[in-house]
Amino acid sequence: MDSLPPGTTLSNLVFGTCMILCPPSWLMIPLIDVETGTGGFYVIWVVLALLNAGLYAVIGTAYVGIRRKRGAKATS
């Protein structure tokens, strides 16, 4: 049972926000028929969480690298 009925403005806003903040969720669209509460459902969420963590780790590492390069230029 979904917590938000489909087609409502709030439902669309939540879905859009999730798709922007969690890009690996686009990879899970073909697996949409997996039933909630089954073993496959939990495996999908674990894989999705690991992909999302990896994505944000790469983004964070790139951001820190850019900030360090700017800091080194400012002190030189």
PDB file of N, CA and C in Angstrom:
ATOM      1  N   MET A   1       0.839  -1.173   0.000  1.00  0.00           N
ATOM      2  CA  MET A   1       0.000   0.000   0.000  1.00  0.00           C
ATOM      3  C   MET A   1       0.891   1.246   0.000  1.00  0.00           C
ATOM      4  N   ASP A   2       0.701   2.111  -0.948  1.00  0.00           N
ATOM      5  CA  ASP A   2       1.483   3.342  -1.037  1.00  0.00           C
ATOM      6  C   ASP A   2       0.958   4.374  -0.059  1.00  0.00           C
ATOM      7  N   SER A   3       1.868   5.213   0.429  1.00  0.00           N
ATOM      8  CA  SER A   3       1.460   6.238   1.380  1.00  0.00           C
ATOM      9  C   SER A   3       0.847   7.444   0.683  1.00  0.00           C
ATOM     10  N   LEU A   4       1.166   7.643  -0.591  1.00  0.00           N
ATOM     11  CA  LEU A   4       0.603   8.755  -1.346  1.00  0.00           C
ATOM     12  C   LEU A   4      -0.119   8.215  -2.572  1.00  0.00           C
ATOM     13  N   PRO A   5      -1.337   8.676  -2.817  1.00  0.00           N
ATOM     14  CA  PRO A   5      -2.035   8.214  -4.019  1.00  0.00           C
ATOM     15  C   PRO A   5      -1.345   8.755  -5.272  1.00  0.00           C
ATOM     16  N   PRO A   6      -1.322   7.983  -6.346  1.00  0.00           N
ATOM     17  CA  PRO A   6      -0.646   8.439  -7.568  1.00  0.00           C
ATOM     18  C   PRO A   6      -1.371   9.620  -8.203  1.00  0.00           C
ATOM     19  N   GLY A   7      -0.584  10.480  -8.841  1.00  0.00           N
ATOM     20  CA  GLY A   7      -1.178  11.575  -9.574  1.00  0.00           C
ATOM     21  C   GLY A   7      -1.408  12.851  -8.789  1.00  0.00           C
ATOM     22  N   THR A   8      -1.212  12.822  -7.480  1.00  0.00           N
ATOM     23  CA  THR A   8      -1.392  14.049  -6.714  1.00  0.00           C
ATOM     24  C   THR A   8      -0.153  14.925  -6.858  1.00  0.00           C
ATOM     25  N   THR A   9      -0.303  16.204  -6.609  1.00  0.00           N
ATOM     26  CA  THR A   9       0.821  17.128  -6.715  1.00  0.00           C
ATOM     27  C   THR A   9       1.934  16.748  -5.753  1.00  0.00           C
ATOM     28  N   LEU A  10       1.583  16.389  -4.531  1.00  0.00           N
ATOM     29  CA  LEU A  10       2.582  15.994  -3.545  1.00  0.00           C
ATOM     30  C   LEU A  10       3.301  14.730  -3.981  1.00  0.00           C
ATOM     31  N   SER A  11       2.566  13.770  -4.509  1.00  0.00           N
ATOM     32  CA  SER A  11       3.166  12.526  -4.983  1.00  0.00           C
ATOM     33  C   SER A  11       4.165  12.803  -6.103  1.00  0.00           C
ATOM     34  N   ASN A  12       3.788  13.657  -7.033  1.00  0.00           N
ATOM     35  CA  ASN A  12       4.692  14.000  -8.136  1.00  0.00           C
ATOM     36  C   ASN A  12       5.921  14.747  -7.632  1.00  0.00           C
ATOM     37  N   LEU A  13       5.751  15.610  -6.652  1.00  0.00           N
ATOM     38  CA  LEU A  13       6.872  16.352  -6.083  1.00  0.00           C
ATOM     39  C   LEU A  13       7.844  15.419  -5.370  1.00  0.00           C
ATOM     40  N   VAL A  14       7.318  14.488  -4.595  1.00  0.00           N
ATOM     41  CA  VAL A  14       8.161  13.516  -3.889  1.00  0.00           C
ATOM     42  C   VAL A  14       8.909  12.640  -4.897  1.00  0.00           C
ATOM     43  N   PHE A  15       8.218  12.186  -5.922  1.00  0.00           N
ATOM     44  CA  PHE A  15       8.848  11.348  -6.943  1.00  0.00           C
ATOM     45  C   PHE A  15       9.953  12.110  -7.671  1.00  0.00           C
ATOM     46  N   GLY A  16       9.684  13.337  -8.072  1.00  0.00           N
ATOM     47  CA  GLY A  16      10.677  14.152  -8.764  1.00  0.00           C
ATOM     48  C   GLY A  16      11.898  14.429  -7.904  1.00  0.00           C
ATOM     49  N   THR A  17      11.676  14.743  -6.631  1.00  0.00           N
ATOM     50  CA  THR A  17      12.776  14.990  -5.713  1.00  0.00           C
ATOM     51  C   THR A  17      13.636  13.746  -5.545  1.00  0.00           C
ATOM     52  N   CYS A  18      13.004  12.611  -5.420  1.00  0.00           N
ATOM     53  CA  CYS A  18      13.739  11.347  -5.277  1.00  0.00           C
ATOM     54  C   CYS A  18      14.567  11.058  -6.524  1.00  0.00           C
ATOM     55  N   MET A  19      14.029  11.309  -7.685  1.00  0.00           N
ATOM     56  CA  MET A  19      14.750  11.048  -8.928  1.00  0.00           C
ATOM     57  C   MET A  19      15.946  11.981  -9.098  1.00  0.00           C
ATOM     58  N   ILE A  20      15.850  13.205  -8.573  1.00  0.00           N
ATOM     59  CA  ILE A  20      16.961  14.152  -8.674  1.00  0.00           C
ATOM     60  C   ILE A  20      18.042  13.823  -7.649  1.00  0.00           C
ATOM     61  N   LEU A  21      17.644  13.551  -6.407  1.00  0.00           N
ATOM     62  CA  LEU A  21      18.614  13.304  -5.344  1.00  0.00           C
ATOM     63  C   LEU A  21      19.183  11.895  -5.350  1.00  0.00           C
ATOM     64  N   CYS A  22      18.531  10.982  -6.022  1.00  0.00           N
ATOM     65  CA  CYS A  22      18.970   9.586  -6.042  1.00  0.00           C
ATOM     66  C   CYS A  22      18.991   9.067  -7.487  1.00  0.00           C
ATOM     67  N   PRO A  23      19.950   9.561  -8.302  1.00  0.00           N
ATOM     68  CA  PRO A  23      19.985   9.160  -9.712  1.00  0.00           C
ATOM     69  C   PRO A  23      20.072   7.650  -9.965  1.00  0.00           C
ATOM     70  N   PRO A  24      20.733   6.856  -9.105  1.00  0.00           N
ATOM     71  CA  PRO A  24      20.747   5.414  -9.388  1.00  0.00           C
ATOM     72  C   PRO A  24      19.358   4.773  -9.375  1.00  0.00           C
ATOM     73  N   SER A  25      18.377   5.463  -8.816  1.00  0.00           N
ATOM     74  CA  SER A  25      17.027   4.890  -8.812  1.00  0.00           C
ATOM     75  C   SER A  25      16.485   4.730 -10.232  1.00  0.00           C
ATOM     76  N   TRP A  26      17.013   5.506 -11.201  1.00  0.00           N
ATOM     77  CA  TRP A  26      16.609   5.334 -12.597  1.00  0.00           C
ATOM     78  C   TRP A  26      16.971   3.939 -13.100  1.00  0.00           C
ATOM     79  N   LEU A  27      18.043   3.365 -12.567  1.00  0.00           N
ATOM     80  CA  LEU A  27      18.460   2.026 -12.987  1.00  0.00           C
ATOM     81  C   LEU A  27      17.498   0.947 -12.504  1.00  0.00           C
ATOM     82  N   MET A  28      16.706   1.265 -11.492  1.00  0.00           N
ATOM     83  CA  MET A  28      15.822   0.271 -10.903  1.00  0.00           C
ATOM     84  C   MET A  28      14.425   0.269 -11.530  1.00  0.00           C
ATOM     85  N   ILE A  29      14.172   1.154 -12.475  1.00  0.00           N
ATOM     86  CA  ILE A  29      12.848   1.220 -13.095  1.00  0.00           C
ATOM     87  C   ILE A  29      12.434  -0.110 -13.734  1.00  0.00           C
ATOM     88  N   PRO A  30      13.336  -0.825 -14.419  1.00  0.00           N
ATOM     89  CA  PRO A  30      12.912  -2.111 -14.991  1.00  0.00           C
ATOM     90  C   PRO A  30      12.502  -3.141 -13.929  1.00  0.00           C
ATOM     91  N   LEU A  31      12.899  -2.930 -12.691  1.00  0.00           N
ATOM     92  CA  LEU A  31      12.591  -3.886 -11.622  1.00  0.00           C
ATOM     93  C   LEU A  31      11.388  -3.441 -10.784  1.00  0.00           C
ATOM     94  N   ILE A  32      10.529  -2.621 -11.348  1.00  0.00           N
ATOM     95  CA  ILE A  32       9.426  -2.031 -10.597  1.00  0.00           C
ATOM     96  C   ILE A  32       8.390  -3.071 -10.136  1.00  0.00           C
ATOM     97  N   ASP A  33       8.369  -4.233 -10.767  1.00  0.00           N
ATOM     98  CA  ASP A  33       7.369  -5.245 -10.414  1.00  0.00           C
ATOM     99  C   ASP A  33       7.746  -6.098  -9.210  1.00  0.00           C
ATOM    100  N   VAL A  34       8.881  -5.841  -8.598  1.00  0.00           N
ATOM    101  CA  VAL A  34       9.279  -6.607  -7.418  1.00  0.00           C
ATOM    102  C   VAL A  34       8.346  -6.219  -6.264  1.00  0.00           C
ATOM    103  N   GLU A  35       7.781  -7.212  -5.631  1.00  0.00           N
ATOM    104  CA  GLU A  35       6.807  -6.980  -4.568  1.00  0.00           C
ATOM    105  C   GLU A  35       7.449  -6.450  -3.293  1.00  0.00           C
ATOM    106  N   THR A  36       6.813  -5.486  -2.682  1.00  0.00           N
ATOM    107  CA  THR A  36       7.278  -4.930  -1.415  1.00  0.00           C
ATOM    108  C   THR A  36       7.261  -6.009  -0.341  1.00  0.00           C
ATOM    109  N   GLY A  37       8.335  -6.091   0.441  1.00  0.00           N
ATOM    110  CA  GLY A  37       8.404  -7.049   1.533  1.00  0.00           C
ATOM    111  C   GLY A  37       9.065  -8.361   1.170  1.00  0.00           C
ATOM    112  N   THR A  38       9.373  -8.565  -0.105  1.00  0.00           N
ATOM    113  CA  THR A  38      10.044  -9.809  -0.501  1.00  0.00           C
ATOM    114  C   THR A  38      11.555  -9.633  -0.398  1.00  0.00           C
ATOM    115  N   GLY A  39      12.275 -10.731  -0.487  1.00  0.00           N
ATOM    116  CA  GLY A  39      13.729 -10.678  -0.425  1.00  0.00           C
ATOM    117  C   GLY A  39      14.318  -9.850  -1.551  1.00  0.00           C
ATOM    118  N   GLY A  40      13.753  -9.974  -2.744  1.00  0.00           N
ATOM    119  CA  GLY A  40      14.228  -9.206  -3.885  1.00  0.00           C
ATOM    120  C   GLY A  40      14.079  -7.712  -3.686  1.00  0.00           C
ATOM    121  N   PHE A  41      13.022  -7.311  -3.007  1.00  0.00           N
ATOM    122  CA  PHE A  41      12.783  -5.895  -2.725  1.00  0.00           C
ATOM    123  C   PHE A  41      13.905  -5.322  -1.867  1.00  0.00           C
ATOM    124  N   TYR A  42      14.293  -6.063  -0.856  1.00  0.00           N
ATOM    125  CA  TYR A  42      15.349  -5.580   0.036  1.00  0.00           C
ATOM    126  C   TYR A  42      16.711  -5.584  -0.652  1.00  0.00           C
ATOM    127  N   VAL A  43      16.938  -6.556  -1.516  1.00  0.00           N
ATOM    128  CA  VAL A  43      18.193  -6.596  -2.269  1.00  0.00           C
ATOM    129  C   VAL A  43      18.276  -5.372  -3.185  1.00  0.00           C
ATOM    130  N   ILE A  44      17.194  -5.033  -3.841  1.00  0.00           N
ATOM    131  CA  ILE A  44      17.169  -3.858  -4.715  1.00  0.00           C
ATOM    132  C   ILE A  44      17.500  -2.594  -3.922  1.00  0.00           C
ATOM    133  N   TRP A  45      16.905  -2.442  -2.737  1.00  0.00           N
ATOM    134  CA  TRP A  45      17.167  -1.239  -1.935  1.00  0.00           C
ATOM    135  C   TRP A  45      18.608  -1.192  -1.442  1.00  0.00           C
ATOM    136  N   VAL A  46      19.193  -2.343  -1.127  1.00  0.00           N
ATOM    137  CA  VAL A  46      20.601  -2.354  -0.703  1.00  0.00           C
ATOM    138  C   VAL A  46      21.498  -1.959  -1.873  1.00  0.00           C
ATOM    139  N   VAL A  47      21.247  -2.516  -3.053  1.00  0.00           N
ATOM    140  CA  VAL A  47      22.036  -2.163  -4.232  1.00  0.00           C
ATOM    141  C   VAL A  47      21.875  -0.683  -4.548  1.00  0.00           C
ATOM    142  N   LEU A  48      20.661  -0.194  -4.480  1.00  0.00           N
ATOM    143  CA  LEU A  48      20.391   1.221  -4.731  1.00  0.00           C
ATOM    144  C   LEU A  48      21.126   2.107  -3.729  1.00  0.00           C
ATOM    145  N   ALA A  49      21.120   1.733  -2.473  1.00  0.00           N
ATOM    146  CA  ALA A  49      21.815   2.512  -1.439  1.00  0.00           C
ATOM    147  C   ALA A  49      23.318   2.517  -1.678  1.00  0.00           C
ATOM    148  N   LEU A  50      23.891   1.383  -2.067  1.00  0.00           N
ATOM    149  CA  LEU A  50      25.329   1.320  -2.336  1.00  0.00           C
ATOM    150  C   LEU A  50      25.713   2.153  -3.558  1.00  0.00           C
ATOM    151  N   LEU A  51      24.905   2.099  -4.598  1.00  0.00           N
ATOM    152  CA  LEU A  51      25.164   2.910  -5.780  1.00  0.00           C
ATOM    153  C   LEU A  51      25.071   4.399  -5.452  1.00  0.00           C
ATOM    154  N   ASN A  52      24.075   4.766  -4.674  1.00  0.00           N
ATOM    155  CA  ASN A  52      23.900   6.163  -4.278  1.00  0.00           C
ATOM    156  C   ASN A  52      25.066   6.621  -3.403  1.00  0.00           C
ATOM    157  N   ALA A  53      25.504   5.774  -2.477  1.00  0.00           N
ATOM    158  CA  ALA A  53      26.647   6.119  -1.620  1.00  0.00           C
ATOM    159  C   ALA A  53      27.904   6.302  -2.461  1.00  0.00           C
ATOM    160  N   GLY A  54      28.112   5.422  -3.427  1.00  0.00           N
ATOM    161  CA  GLY A  54      29.272   5.547  -4.309  1.00  0.00           C
ATOM    162  C   GLY A  54      29.222   6.816  -5.137  1.00  0.00           C
ATOM    163  N   LEU A  55      28.052   7.144  -5.649  1.00  0.00           N
ATOM    164  CA  LEU A  55      27.897   8.366  -6.438  1.00  0.00           C
ATOM    165  C   LEU A  55      28.233   9.599  -5.609  1.00  0.00           C
ATOM    166  N   TYR A  56      27.680   9.684  -4.413  1.00  0.00           N
ATOM    167  CA  TYR A  56      27.927  10.854  -3.577  1.00  0.00           C
ATOM    168  C   TYR A  56      29.351  10.869  -3.035  1.00  0.00           C
ATOM    169  N   ALA A  57      29.997   9.724  -2.897  1.00  0.00           N
ATOM    170  CA  ALA A  57      31.411   9.685  -2.510  1.00  0.00           C
ATOM    171  C   ALA A  57      32.277  10.272  -3.623  1.00  0.00           C
ATOM    172  N   VAL A  58      31.970   9.928  -4.861  1.00  0.00           N
ATOM    173  CA  VAL A  58      32.708  10.486  -5.999  1.00  0.00           C
ATOM    174  C   VAL A  58      32.479  11.991  -6.101  1.00  0.00           C
ATOM    175  N   ILE A  59      31.244  12.425  -5.945  1.00  0.00           N
ATOM    176  CA  ILE A  59      30.933  13.861  -5.991  1.00  0.00           C
ATOM    177  C   ILE A  59      31.656  14.594  -4.873  1.00  0.00           C
ATOM    178  N   GLY A  60      31.641  14.043  -3.674  1.00  0.00           N
ATOM    179  CA  GLY A  60      32.319  14.668  -2.540  1.00  0.00           C
ATOM    180  C   GLY A  60      33.821  14.734  -2.732  1.00  0.00           C
ATOM    181  N   THR A  61      34.403  13.666  -3.260  1.00  0.00           N
ATOM    182  CA  THR A  61      35.846  13.645  -3.516  1.00  0.00           C
ATOM    183  C   THR A  61      36.215  14.686  -4.567  1.00  0.00           C
ATOM    184  N   ALA A  62      35.438  14.794  -5.613  1.00  0.00           N
ATOM    185  CA  ALA A  62      35.697  15.794  -6.653  1.00  0.00           C
ATOM    186  C   ALA A  62      35.577  17.206  -6.085  1.00  0.00           C
ATOM    187  N   TYR A  63      34.580  17.431  -5.260  1.00  0.00           N
ATOM    188  CA  TYR A  63      34.375  18.754  -4.652  1.00  0.00           C
ATOM    189  C   TYR A  63      35.562  19.132  -3.766  1.00  0.00           C
ATOM    190  N   VAL A  64      36.008  18.202  -2.940  1.00  0.00           N
ATOM    191  CA  VAL A  64      37.159  18.470  -2.062  1.00  0.00           C
ATOM    192  C   VAL A  64      38.410  18.719  -2.899  1.00  0.00           C
ATOM    193  N   GLY A  65      38.602  17.953  -3.965  1.00  0.00           N
ATOM    194  CA  GLY A  65      39.759  18.157  -4.837  1.00  0.00           C
ATOM    195  C   GLY A  65      39.750  19.535  -5.484  1.00  0.00           C
ATOM    196  N   ILE A  66      38.590  19.976  -5.931  1.00  0.00           N
ATOM    197  CA  ILE A  66      38.476  21.308  -6.530  1.00  0.00           C
ATOM    198  C   ILE A  66      38.756  22.388  -5.493  1.00  0.00           C
ATOM    199  N   ARG A  67      38.215  22.218  -4.295  1.00  0.00           N
ATOM    200  CA  ARG A  67      38.440  23.211  -3.238  1.00  0.00           C
ATOM    201  C   ARG A  67      39.918  23.295  -2.863  1.00  0.00           C
ATOM    202  N   ARG A  68      40.610  22.165  -2.818  1.00  0.00           N
ATOM    203  CA  ARG A  68      42.042  22.165  -2.476  1.00  0.00           C
ATOM    204  C   ARG A  68      42.861  22.863  -3.553  1.00  0.00           C
ATOM    205  N   LYS A  69      42.508  22.632  -4.818  1.00  0.00           N
ATOM    206  CA  LYS A  69      43.232  23.291  -5.908  1.00  0.00           C
ATOM    207  C   LYS A  69      43.043  24.804  -5.831  1.00  0.00           C
ATOM    208  N   ARG A  70      41.836  25.263  -5.533  1.00  0.00           N
ATOM    209  CA  ARG A  70      41.582  26.698  -5.403  1.00  0.00           C
ATOM    210  C   ARG A  70      42.338  27.279  -4.221  1.00  0.00           C
ATOM    211  N   GLY A  71      42.381  26.526  -3.122  1.00  0.00           N
ATOM    212  CA  GLY A  71      43.107  26.973  -1.931  1.00  0.00           C
ATOM    213  C   GLY A  71      44.593  27.077  -2.187  1.00  0.00           C
ATOM    214  N   ALA A  72      45.132  26.137  -2.954  1.00  0.00           N
ATOM    215  CA  ALA A  72      46.564  26.158  -3.266  1.00  0.00           C
ATOM    216  C   ALA A  72      46.901  27.346  -4.170  1.00  0.00           C
ATOM    217  N   LYS A  73      46.015  27.695  -5.085  1.00  0.00           N
ATOM    218  CA  LYS A  73      46.241  28.834  -5.974  1.00  0.00           C
ATOM    219  C   LYS A  73      46.184  30.156  -5.183  1.00  0.00           C
ATOM    220  N   ALA A  74      45.291  30.232  -4.215  1.00  0.00           N
ATOM    221  CA  ALA A  74      45.127  31.464  -3.447  1.00  0.00           C
ATOM    222  C   ALA A  74      46.331  31.723  -2.551  1.00  0.00           C
ATOM    223  N   THR A  75      46.971  30.680  -2.032  1.00  0.00           N
ATOM    224  CA  THR A  75      48.113  30.856  -1.139  1.00  0.00           C
ATOM    225  C   THR A  75      49.425  30.999  -1.902  1.00  0.00           C
ATOM    226  N   SER A  76      49.439  30.643  -3.172  1.00  0.00           N
ATOM    227  CA  SER A  76      50.673  30.741  -3.972  1.00  0.00           C
ATOM    228  C   SER A  76      50.947  32.151  -4.440  1.00  0.00           C
TER     229      SER A  76
END
